[in-house]
Amino acid sequence: MELLLGVIVGAVIVWVAPSLTGRVLRPAAKGVVKGSVVAYKAASEAASEAYESMGDLVSEAKSEMKDKSKPEAAPAPRRSRRK
Protein backbone atom coordinates (compact mmCIF):
# COMPACT_ATOMS: atom_id res chain seq x y z
CA MET A 1 0.00 0.00 0.00
CA GLU A 2 2.78 2.45 0.87
CA LEU A 3 4.51 1.66 -2.39
CA LEU A 4 1.36 2.40 -4.35
CA LEU A 5 0.87 5.67 -2.41
CA GLY A 6 4.50 6.63 -3.17
CA VAL A 7 4.02 5.93 -6.89
CA ILE A 8 0.82 7.99 -6.98
CA VAL A 9 2.39 10.92 -5.11
CA GLY A 10 5.44 10.75 -7.41
CA ALA A 11 3.23 10.73 -10.51
CA VAL A 12 1.25 13.72 -9.23
CA ILE A 13 4.46 15.63 -8.51
CA VAL A 14 5.80 14.87 -11.99
CA TRP A 15 2.49 15.93 -13.54
CA VAL A 16 2.07 19.15 -11.45
CA ALA A 17 5.71 20.26 -11.32
CA PRO A 18 6.01 21.52 -14.92
CA SER A 19 2.94 23.71 -14.65
CA LEU A 20 3.97 24.95 -11.20
CA THR A 21 7.53 25.50 -12.37
CA GLY A 22 6.27 27.38 -15.43
CA ARG A 23 4.12 29.66 -13.29
CA VAL A 24 6.94 30.39 -10.87
CA LEU A 25 10.02 30.44 -13.08
CA ARG A 26 8.59 32.20 -16.13
CA PRO A 27 7.94 35.52 -14.34
CA ALA A 28 11.35 35.28 -12.68
CA ALA A 29 13.03 34.62 -16.03
CA LYS A 30 11.08 37.47 -17.62
CA GLY A 31 12.24 39.77 -14.80
CA VAL A 32 15.86 38.79 -15.44
CA VAL A 33 15.46 39.47 -19.16
CA LYS A 34 13.85 42.87 -18.50
CA GLY A 35 16.65 43.78 -16.13
CA SER A 36 19.22 42.77 -18.72
CA VAL A 37 17.54 44.91 -21.39
CA VAL A 38 17.46 47.92 -19.07
CA ALA A 39 21.11 47.41 -18.13
CA TYR A 40 22.10 47.07 -21.81
CA LYS A 41 20.30 50.29 -22.72
CA ALA A 42 21.94 52.16 -19.84
CA ALA A 43 25.39 50.84 -20.76
CA SER A 44 24.82 51.65 -24.42
CA GLU A 45 23.83 55.25 -23.61
CA ALA A 46 26.80 55.65 -21.28
CA ALA A 47 29.18 54.33 -23.93
CA SER A 48 27.67 56.65 -26.53
CA GLU A 49 28.11 59.66 -24.26
CA ALA A 50 31.68 58.64 -23.45
CA TYR A 51 32.46 58.26 -27.16
CA GLU A 52 31.02 61.70 -27.88
CA SER A 53 32.97 63.27 -25.01
CA MET A 54 36.16 61.64 -26.22
CA GLY A 55 35.54 63.00 -29.72
CA ASP A 56 35.07 66.48 -28.28
CA LEU A 57 38.35 66.18 -26.35
CA VAL A 58 40.20 65.04 -29.47
CA SER A 59 38.78 67.96 -31.46
CA GLU A 60 39.79 70.43 -28.75
CA ALA A 61 43.30 68.96 -28.55
CA LYS A 62 43.74 69.15 -32.33
CA SER A 63 42.50 72.74 -32.33
CA GLU A 64 44.97 73.71 -29.61
CA MET A 65 47.80 71.96 -31.43
CA LYS A 66 46.91 73.81 -34.64
CA ASP A 67 46.89 77.14 -32.80
CA LYS A 68 50.29 76.45 -31.24
CA SER A 69 51.85 75.47 -34.56
CA LYS A 70 51.08 78.89 -36.05
CA PRO A 71 54.10 81.14 -35.80
CA GLU A 72 53.63 83.88 -33.30
CA ALA A 73 54.63 87.43 -34.05
CA ALA A 74 58.28 87.90 -33.26
CA PRO A 75 58.91 90.32 -30.44
CA ALA A 76 60.47 93.63 -31.39
CA PRO A 77 64.24 93.64 -31.00
CA ARG A 78 65.54 95.38 -27.91
CA ARG A 79 67.73 98.35 -28.29
CA SER A 80 70.73 98.45 -26.13
CA ARG A 81 71.24 101.69 -24.31
CA ARG A 82 74.73 102.97 -24.36
CA LYS A 83 75.80 105.70 -22.14
PDB file of N, CA and C in Angstrom:
ATOM      1  N   MET A   1       0.817  -1.190   0.000  1.00  0.00           N
ATOM      2  CA  MET A   1       0.000   0.000   0.000  1.00  0.00           C
ATOM      3  C   MET A   1       0.867   1.263   0.000  1.00  0.00           C
ATOM      4  N   GLU A   2       1.902   1.271   0.806  1.00  0.00           N
ATOM      5  CA  GLU A   2       2.779   2.445   0.868  1.00  0.00           C
ATOM      6  C   GLU A   2       3.503   2.654  -0.459  1.00  0.00           C
ATOM      7  N   LEU A   3       3.851   1.551  -1.088  1.00  0.00           N
ATOM      8  CA  LEU A   3       4.513   1.657  -2.387  1.00  0.00           C
ATOM      9  C   LEU A   3       3.582   2.270  -3.421  1.00  0.00           C
ATOM     10  N   LEU A   4       2.343   1.849  -3.418  1.00  0.00           N
ATOM     11  CA  LEU A   4       1.359   2.404  -4.345  1.00  0.00           C
ATOM     12  C   LEU A   4       1.134   3.883  -4.071  1.00  0.00           C
ATOM     13  N   LEU A   5       1.039   4.257  -2.791  1.00  0.00           N
ATOM     14  CA  LEU A   5       0.868   5.666  -2.413  1.00  0.00           C
ATOM     15  C   LEU A   5       2.077   6.490  -2.882  1.00  0.00           C
ATOM     16  N   GLY A   6       3.282   5.952  -2.726  1.00  0.00           N
ATOM     17  CA  GLY A   6       4.496   6.634  -3.171  1.00  0.00           C
ATOM     18  C   GLY A   6       4.513   6.846  -4.673  1.00  0.00           C
ATOM     19  N   VAL A   7       4.064   5.829  -5.428  1.00  0.00           N
ATOM     20  CA  VAL A   7       4.022   5.934  -6.885  1.00  0.00           C
ATOM     21  C   VAL A   7       3.000   6.989  -7.306  1.00  0.00           C
ATOM     22  N   ILE A   8       1.852   7.008  -6.644  1.00  0.00           N
ATOM     23  CA  ILE A   8       0.817   7.986  -6.982  1.00  0.00           C
ATOM     24  C   ILE A   8       1.301   9.405  -6.669  1.00  0.00           C
ATOM     25  N   VAL A   9       1.876   9.587  -5.480  1.00  0.00           N
ATOM     26  CA  VAL A   9       2.391  10.915  -5.115  1.00  0.00           C
ATOM     27  C   VAL A   9       3.493  11.339  -6.084  1.00  0.00           C
ATOM     28  N   GLY A  10       4.381  10.445  -6.461  1.00  0.00           N
ATOM     29  CA  GLY A  10       5.442  10.748  -7.412  1.00  0.00           C
ATOM     30  C   GLY A  10       4.877  11.140  -8.767  1.00  0.00           C
ATOM     31  N   ALA A  11       3.846  10.421  -9.216  1.00  0.00           N
ATOM     32  CA  ALA A  11       3.225  10.731 -10.506  1.00  0.00           C
ATOM     33  C   ALA A  11       2.555  12.100 -10.470  1.00  0.00           C
ATOM     34  N   VAL A  12       1.898  12.405  -9.366  1.00  0.00           N
ATOM     35  CA  VAL A  12       1.246  13.718  -9.233  1.00  0.00           C
ATOM     36  C   VAL A  12       2.293  14.824  -9.235  1.00  0.00           C
ATOM     37  N   ILE A  13       3.400  14.616  -8.547  1.00  0.00           N
ATOM     38  CA  ILE A  13       4.459  15.633  -8.507  1.00  0.00           C
ATOM     39  C   ILE A  13       5.024  15.852  -9.915  1.00  0.00           C
ATOM     40  N   VAL A  14       5.269  14.757 -10.632  1.00  0.00           N
ATOM     41  CA  VAL A  14       5.802  14.872 -11.989  1.00  0.00           C
ATOM     42  C   VAL A  14       4.802  15.572 -12.893  1.00  0.00           C
ATOM     43  N   TRP A  15       3.525  15.332 -12.701  1.00  0.00           N
ATOM     44  CA  TRP A  15       2.488  15.933 -13.536  1.00  0.00           C
ATOM     45  C   TRP A  15       2.270  17.410 -13.199  1.00  0.00           C
ATOM     46  N   VAL A  16       2.338  17.778 -11.900  1.00  0.00           N
ATOM     47  CA  VAL A  16       2.066  19.147 -11.451  1.00  0.00           C
ATOM     48  C   VAL A  16       3.308  20.033 -11.551  1.00  0.00           C
ATOM     49  N   ALA A  17       4.475  19.471 -11.384  1.00  0.00           N
ATOM     50  CA  ALA A  17       5.713  20.258 -11.322  1.00  0.00           C
ATOM     51  C   ALA A  17       5.935  21.133 -12.547  1.00  0.00           C
ATOM     52  N   PRO A  18       5.761  20.630 -13.775  1.00  0.00           N
ATOM     53  CA  PRO A  18       6.008  21.519 -14.918  1.00  0.00           C
ATOM     54  C   PRO A  18       5.091  22.734 -14.946  1.00  0.00           C
ATOM     55  N   SER A  19       3.829  22.556 -14.637  1.00  0.00           N
ATOM     56  CA  SER A  19       2.935  23.712 -14.651  1.00  0.00           C
ATOM     57  C   SER A  19       3.253  24.664 -13.504  1.00  0.00           C
ATOM     58  N   LEU A  20       3.605  24.113 -12.346  1.00  0.00           N
ATOM     59  CA  LEU A  20       3.971  24.954 -11.201  1.00  0.00           C
ATOM     60  C   LEU A  20       5.291  25.666 -11.482  1.00  0.00           C
ATOM     61  N   THR A  21       6.222  24.928 -12.044  1.00  0.00           N
ATOM     62  CA  THR A  21       7.527  25.503 -12.373  1.00  0.00           C
ATOM     63  C   THR A  21       7.367  26.606 -13.407  1.00  0.00           C
ATOM     64  N   GLY A  22       6.503  26.367 -14.397  1.00  0.00           N
ATOM     65  CA  GLY A  22       6.267  27.380 -15.429  1.00  0.00           C
ATOM     66  C   GLY A  22       5.656  28.640 -14.845  1.00  0.00           C
ATOM     67  N   ARG A  23       4.751  28.488 -13.900  1.00  0.00           N
ATOM     68  CA  ARG A  23       4.118  29.661 -13.287  1.00  0.00           C
ATOM     69  C   ARG A  23       5.073  30.429 -12.396  1.00  0.00           C
ATOM     70  N   VAL A  24       6.011  29.740 -11.799  1.00  0.00           N
ATOM     71  CA  VAL A  24       6.942  30.389 -10.871  1.00  0.00           C
ATOM     72  C   VAL A  24       8.179  30.900 -11.597  1.00  0.00           C
ATOM     73  N   LEU A  25       8.750  30.070 -12.444  1.00  0.00           N
ATOM     74  CA  LEU A  25      10.022  30.439 -13.077  1.00  0.00           C
ATOM     75  C   LEU A  25       9.866  31.390 -14.250  1.00  0.00           C
ATOM     76  N   ARG A  26       8.771  31.322 -14.977  1.00  0.00           N
ATOM     77  CA  ARG A  26       8.591  32.196 -16.133  1.00  0.00           C
ATOM     78  C   ARG A  26       8.618  33.677 -15.745  1.00  0.00           C
ATOM     79  N   PRO A  27       7.860  34.105 -14.733  1.00  0.00           N
ATOM     80  CA  PRO A  27       7.941  35.517 -14.344  1.00  0.00           C
ATOM     81  C   PRO A  27       9.332  35.911 -13.843  1.00  0.00           C
ATOM     82  N   ALA A  28       9.989  34.981 -13.151  1.00  0.00           N
ATOM     83  CA  ALA A  28      11.347  35.278 -12.682  1.00  0.00           C
ATOM     84  C   ALA A  28      12.295  35.430 -13.865  1.00  0.00           C
ATOM     85  N   ALA A  29      12.176  34.532 -14.845  1.00  0.00           N
ATOM     86  CA  ALA A  29      13.032  34.618 -16.035  1.00  0.00           C
ATOM     87  C   ALA A  29      12.737  35.890 -16.812  1.00  0.00           C
ATOM     88  N   LYS A  30      11.452  36.250 -16.913  1.00  0.00           N
ATOM     89  CA  LYS A  30      11.075  37.470 -17.619  1.00  0.00           C
ATOM     90  C   LYS A  30      11.662  38.690 -16.904  1.00  0.00           C
ATOM     91  N   GLY A  31      11.657  38.669 -15.572  1.00  0.00           N
ATOM     92  CA  GLY A  31      12.244  39.769 -14.804  1.00  0.00           C
ATOM     93  C   GLY A  31      13.740  39.899 -15.060  1.00  0.00           C
ATOM     94  N   VAL A  32      14.413  38.766 -15.153  1.00  0.00           N
ATOM     95  CA  VAL A  32      15.858  38.793 -15.441  1.00  0.00           C
ATOM     96  C   VAL A  32      16.110  39.369 -16.828  1.00  0.00           C
ATOM     97  N   VAL A  33      15.296  38.969 -17.798  1.00  0.00           N
ATOM     98  CA  VAL A  33      15.463  39.475 -19.165  1.00  0.00           C
ATOM     99  C   VAL A  33      15.193  40.977 -19.204  1.00  0.00           C
ATOM    100  N   LYS A  34      14.145  41.423 -18.538  1.00  0.00           N
ATOM    101  CA  LYS A  34      13.849  42.867 -18.503  1.00  0.00           C
ATOM    102  C   LYS A  34      15.000  43.640 -17.869  1.00  0.00           C
ATOM    103  N   GLY A  35      15.512  43.124 -16.771  1.00  0.00           N
ATOM    104  CA  GLY A  35      16.650  43.782 -16.125  1.00  0.00           C
ATOM    105  C   GLY A  35      17.859  43.850 -17.033  1.00  0.00           C
ATOM    106  N   SER A  36      18.087  42.785 -17.793  1.00  0.00           N
ATOM    107  CA  SER A  36      19.216  42.770 -18.724  1.00  0.00           C
ATOM    108  C   SER A  36      19.035  43.796 -19.825  1.00  0.00           C
ATOM    109  N   VAL A  37      17.805  43.928 -20.332  1.00  0.00           N
ATOM    110  CA  VAL A  37      17.540  44.907 -21.393  1.00  0.00           C
ATOM    111  C   VAL A  37      17.758  46.316 -20.868  1.00  0.00           C
ATOM    112  N   VAL A  38      17.282  46.592 -19.666  1.00  0.00           N
ATOM    113  CA  VAL A  38      17.460  47.920 -19.070  1.00  0.00           C
ATOM    114  C   VAL A  38      18.943  48.207 -18.859  1.00  0.00           C
ATOM    115  N   ALA A  39      19.674  47.225 -18.351  1.00  0.00           N
ATOM    116  CA  ALA A  39      21.115  47.412 -18.127  1.00  0.00           C
ATOM    117  C   ALA A  39      21.848  47.636 -19.448  1.00  0.00           C
ATOM    118  N   TYR A  40      21.466  46.902 -20.498  1.00  0.00           N
ATOM    119  CA  TYR A  40      22.096  47.070 -21.808  1.00  0.00           C
ATOM    120  C   TYR A  40      21.852  48.476 -22.348  1.00  0.00           C
ATOM    121  N   LYS A  41      20.608  48.954 -22.224  1.00  0.00           N
ATOM    122  CA  LYS A  41      20.297  50.295 -22.718  1.00  0.00           C
ATOM    123  C   LYS A  41      21.105  51.346 -21.965  1.00  0.00           C
ATOM    124  N   ALA A  42      21.186  51.198 -20.640  1.00  0.00           N
ATOM    125  CA  ALA A  42      21.943  52.164 -19.842  1.00  0.00           C
ATOM    126  C   ALA A  42      23.421  52.139 -20.221  1.00  0.00           C
ATOM    127  N   ALA A  43      23.977  50.951 -20.384  1.00  0.00           N
ATOM    128  CA  ALA A  43      25.389  50.839 -20.760  1.00  0.00           C
ATOM    129  C   ALA A  43      25.628  51.394 -22.158  1.00  0.00           C
ATOM    130  N   SER A  44      24.693  51.150 -23.049  1.00  0.00           N
ATOM    131  CA  SER A  44      24.823  51.650 -24.418  1.00  0.00           C
ATOM    132  C   SER A  44      24.803  53.178 -24.445  1.00  0.00           C
ATOM    133  N   GLU A  45      23.891  53.779 -23.681  1.00  0.00           N
ATOM    134  CA  GLU A  45      23.826  55.245 -23.615  1.00  0.00           C
ATOM    135  C   GLU A  45      25.085  55.824 -22.986  1.00  0.00           C
ATOM    136  N   ALA A  46      25.577  55.176 -21.933  1.00  0.00           N
ATOM    137  CA  ALA A  46      26.796  55.654 -21.280  1.00  0.00           C
ATOM    138  C   ALA A  46      27.986  55.572 -22.229  1.00  0.00           C
ATOM    139  N   ALA A  47      28.081  54.477 -22.975  1.00  0.00           N
ATOM    140  CA  ALA A  47      29.176  54.325 -23.929  1.00  0.00           C
ATOM    141  C   ALA A  47      29.078  55.361 -25.033  1.00  0.00           C
ATOM    142  N   SER A  48      27.869  55.655 -25.482  1.00  0.00           N
ATOM    143  CA  SER A  48      27.668  56.650 -26.530  1.00  0.00           C
ATOM    144  C   SER A  48      28.097  58.031 -26.045  1.00  0.00           C
ATOM    145  N   GLU A  49      27.717  58.366 -24.819  1.00  0.00           N
ATOM    146  CA  GLU A  49      28.111  59.663 -24.259  1.00  0.00           C
ATOM    147  C   GLU A  49      29.623  59.747 -24.074  1.00  0.00           C
ATOM    148  N   ALA A  50      30.224  58.651 -23.629  1.00  0.00           N
ATOM    149  CA  ALA A  50      31.677  58.640 -23.446  1.00  0.00           C
ATOM    150  C   ALA A  50      32.383  58.805 -24.791  1.00  0.00           C
ATOM    151  N   TYR A  51      31.876  58.152 -25.824  1.00  0.00           N
ATOM    152  CA  TYR A  51      32.461  58.263 -27.163  1.00  0.00           C
ATOM    153  C   TYR A  51      32.356  59.692 -27.666  1.00  0.00           C
ATOM    154  N   GLU A  52      31.209  60.312 -27.442  1.00  0.00           N
ATOM    155  CA  GLU A  52      31.015  61.696 -27.877  1.00  0.00           C
ATOM    156  C   GLU A  52      31.948  62.641 -27.120  1.00  0.00           C
ATOM    157  N   SER A  53      32.074  62.427 -25.815  1.00  0.00           N
ATOM    158  CA  SER A  53      32.968  63.267 -25.010  1.00  0.00           C
ATOM    159  C   SER A  53      34.415  63.115 -25.470  1.00  0.00           C
ATOM    160  N   MET A  54      34.796  61.870 -25.771  1.00  0.00           N
ATOM    161  CA  MET A  54      36.162  61.639 -26.223  1.00  0.00           C
ATOM    162  C   MET A  54      36.404  62.327 -27.558  1.00  0.00           C
ATOM    163  N   GLY A  55      35.412  62.302 -28.437  1.00  0.00           N
ATOM    164  CA  GLY A  55      35.537  62.996 -29.717  1.00  0.00           C
ATOM    165  C   GLY A  55      35.694  64.496 -29.533  1.00  0.00           C
ATOM    166  N   ASP A  56      34.939  65.047 -28.573  1.00  0.00           N
ATOM    167  CA  ASP A  56      35.070  66.476 -28.277  1.00  0.00           C
ATOM    168  C   ASP A  56      36.469  66.802 -27.761  1.00  0.00           C
ATOM    169  N   LEU A  57      36.999  65.942 -26.882  1.00  0.00           N
ATOM    170  CA  LEU A  57      38.348  66.181 -26.349  1.00  0.00           C
ATOM    171  C   LEU A  57      39.393  66.115 -27.454  1.00  0.00           C
ATOM    172  N   VAL A  58      39.241  65.161 -28.358  1.00  0.00           N
ATOM    173  CA  VAL A  58      40.202  65.042 -29.466  1.00  0.00           C
ATOM    174  C   VAL A  58      40.133  66.282 -30.352  1.00  0.00           C
ATOM    175  N   SER A  59      38.931  66.757 -30.629  1.00  0.00           N
ATOM    176  CA  SER A  59      38.778  67.961 -31.458  1.00  0.00           C
ATOM    177  C   SER A  59      39.416  69.165 -30.786  1.00  0.00           C
ATOM    178  N   GLU A  60      39.186  69.304 -29.480  1.00  0.00           N
ATOM    179  CA  GLU A  60      39.791  70.430 -28.751  1.00  0.00           C
ATOM    180  C   GLU A  60      41.309  70.331 -28.764  1.00  0.00           C
ATOM    181  N   ALA A  61      41.843  69.137 -28.556  1.00  0.00           N
ATOM    182  CA  ALA A  61      43.297  68.964 -28.550  1.00  0.00           C
ATOM    183  C   ALA A  61      43.893  69.293 -29.916  1.00  0.00           C
ATOM    184  N   LYS A  62      43.242  68.839 -30.979  1.00  0.00           N
ATOM    185  CA  LYS A  62      43.736  69.147 -32.328  1.00  0.00           C
ATOM    186  C   LYS A  62      43.687  70.644 -32.599  1.00  0.00           C
ATOM    187  N   SER A  63      42.628  71.305 -32.136  1.00  0.00           N
ATOM    188  CA  SER A  63      42.501  72.740 -32.331  1.00  0.00           C
ATOM    189  C   SER A  63      43.619  73.479 -31.598  1.00  0.00           C
ATOM    190  N   GLU A  64      43.893  73.067 -30.373  1.00  0.00           N
ATOM    191  CA  GLU A  64      44.967  73.708 -29.605  1.00  0.00           C
ATOM    192  C   GLU A  64      46.321  73.461 -30.258  1.00  0.00           C
ATOM    193  N   MET A  65      46.519  72.261 -30.774  1.00  0.00           N
ATOM    194  CA  MET A  65      47.796  71.958 -31.430  1.00  0.00           C
ATOM    195  C   MET A  65      47.954  72.802 -32.691  1.00  0.00           C
ATOM    196  N   LYS A  66      46.864  73.011 -33.428  1.00  0.00           N
ATOM    197  CA  LYS A  66      46.914  73.810 -34.640  1.00  0.00           C
ATOM    198  C   LYS A  66      47.241  75.264 -34.292  1.00  0.00           C
ATOM    199  N   ASP A  67      46.631  75.769 -33.214  1.00  0.00           N
ATOM    200  CA  ASP A  67      46.889  77.143 -32.802  1.00  0.00           C
ATOM    201  C   ASP A  67      48.335  77.321 -32.368  1.00  0.00           C
ATOM    202  N   LYS A  68      48.911  76.347 -31.705  1.00  0.00           N
ATOM    203  CA  LYS A  68      50.293  76.454 -31.240  1.00  0.00           C
ATOM    204  C   LYS A  68      51.285  76.334 -32.383  1.00  0.00           C
ATOM    205  N   SER A  69      50.915  75.649 -33.454  1.00  0.00           N
ATOM    206  CA  SER A  69      51.849  75.471 -34.563  1.00  0.00           C
ATOM    207  C   SER A  69      51.960  76.720 -35.428  1.00  0.00           C
ATOM    208  N   LYS A  70      50.992  77.635 -35.302  1.00  0.00           N
ATOM    209  CA  LYS A  70      51.084  78.891 -36.053  1.00  0.00           C
ATOM    210  C   LYS A  70      52.209  79.733 -35.471  1.00  0.00           C
ATOM    211  N   PRO A  71      53.013  80.304 -36.332  1.00  0.00           N
ATOM    212  CA  PRO A  71      54.102  81.136 -35.798  1.00  0.00           C
ATOM    213  C   PRO A  71      53.536  82.393 -35.152  1.00  0.00           C
ATOM    214  N   GLU A  72      54.061  82.676 -33.996  1.00  0.00           N
ATOM    215  CA  GLU A  72      53.629  83.877 -33.295  1.00  0.00           C
ATOM    216  C   GLU A  72      54.443  85.063 -33.806  1.00  0.00           C
ATOM    217  N   ALA A  73      53.910  86.220 -33.625  1.00  0.00           N
ATOM    218  CA  ALA A  73      54.625  87.428 -34.048  1.00  0.00           C
ATOM    219  C   ALA A  73      55.911  87.533 -33.235  1.00  0.00           C
ATOM    220  N   ALA A  74      56.990  87.791 -33.943  1.00  0.00           N
ATOM    221  CA  ALA A  74      58.276  87.897 -33.265  1.00  0.00           C
ATOM    222  C   ALA A  74      58.298  89.174 -32.442  1.00  0.00           C
ATOM    223  N   PRO A  75      58.838  89.112 -31.254  1.00  0.00           N
ATOM    224  CA  PRO A  75      58.913  90.321 -30.438  1.00  0.00           C
ATOM    225  C   PRO A  75      59.884  91.327 -31.069  1.00  0.00           C
ATOM    226  N   ALA A  76      59.604  92.573 -30.839  1.00  0.00           N
ATOM    227  CA  ALA A  76      60.466  93.630 -31.395  1.00  0.00           C
ATOM    228  C   ALA A  76      61.845  93.514 -30.752  1.00  0.00           C
ATOM    229  N   PRO A  77      62.886  93.733 -31.551  1.00  0.00           N
ATOM    230  CA  PRO A  77      64.236  93.640 -30.997  1.00  0.00           C
ATOM    231  C   PRO A  77      64.479  94.728 -29.971  1.00  0.00           C
ATOM    232  N   ARG A  78      65.220  94.403 -28.962  1.00  0.00           N
ATOM    233  CA  ARG A  78      65.538  95.378 -27.907  1.00  0.00           C
ATOM    234  C   ARG A  78      66.724  96.221 -28.345  1.00  0.00           C
ATOM    235  N   ARG A  79      66.591  97.470 -28.018  1.00  0.00           N
ATOM    236  CA  ARG A  79      67.730  98.355 -28.294  1.00  0.00           C
ATOM    237  C   ARG A  79      68.583  98.432 -27.055  1.00  0.00           C
ATOM    238  N   SER A  80      69.830  98.339 -27.283  1.00  0.00           N
ATOM    239  CA  SER A  80      70.726  98.452 -26.128  1.00  0.00           C
ATOM    240  C   SER A  80      70.990  99.933 -25.891  1.00  0.00           C
ATOM    241  N   ARG A  81      70.983 100.298 -24.669  1.00  0.00           N
ATOM    242  CA  ARG A  81      71.242 101.694 -24.313  1.00  0.00           C
ATOM    243  C   ARG A  81      72.722 101.864 -23.954  1.00  0.00           C
ATOM    244  N   ARG A  82      73.345 102.708 -24.668  1.00  0.00           N
ATOM    245  CA  ARG A  82      74.735 102.972 -24.362  1.00  0.00           C
ATOM    246  C   ARG A  82      74.847 104.336 -23.763  1.00  0.00           C
ATOM    247  N   LYS A  83      75.591 104.420 -22.787  1.00  0.00           N
ATOM    248  CA  LYS A  83      75.801 105.705 -22.138  1.00  0.00           C
ATOM    249  C   LYS A  83      77.136 106.234 -22.412  1.00  0.00           C
TER     250      LYS A  83
END
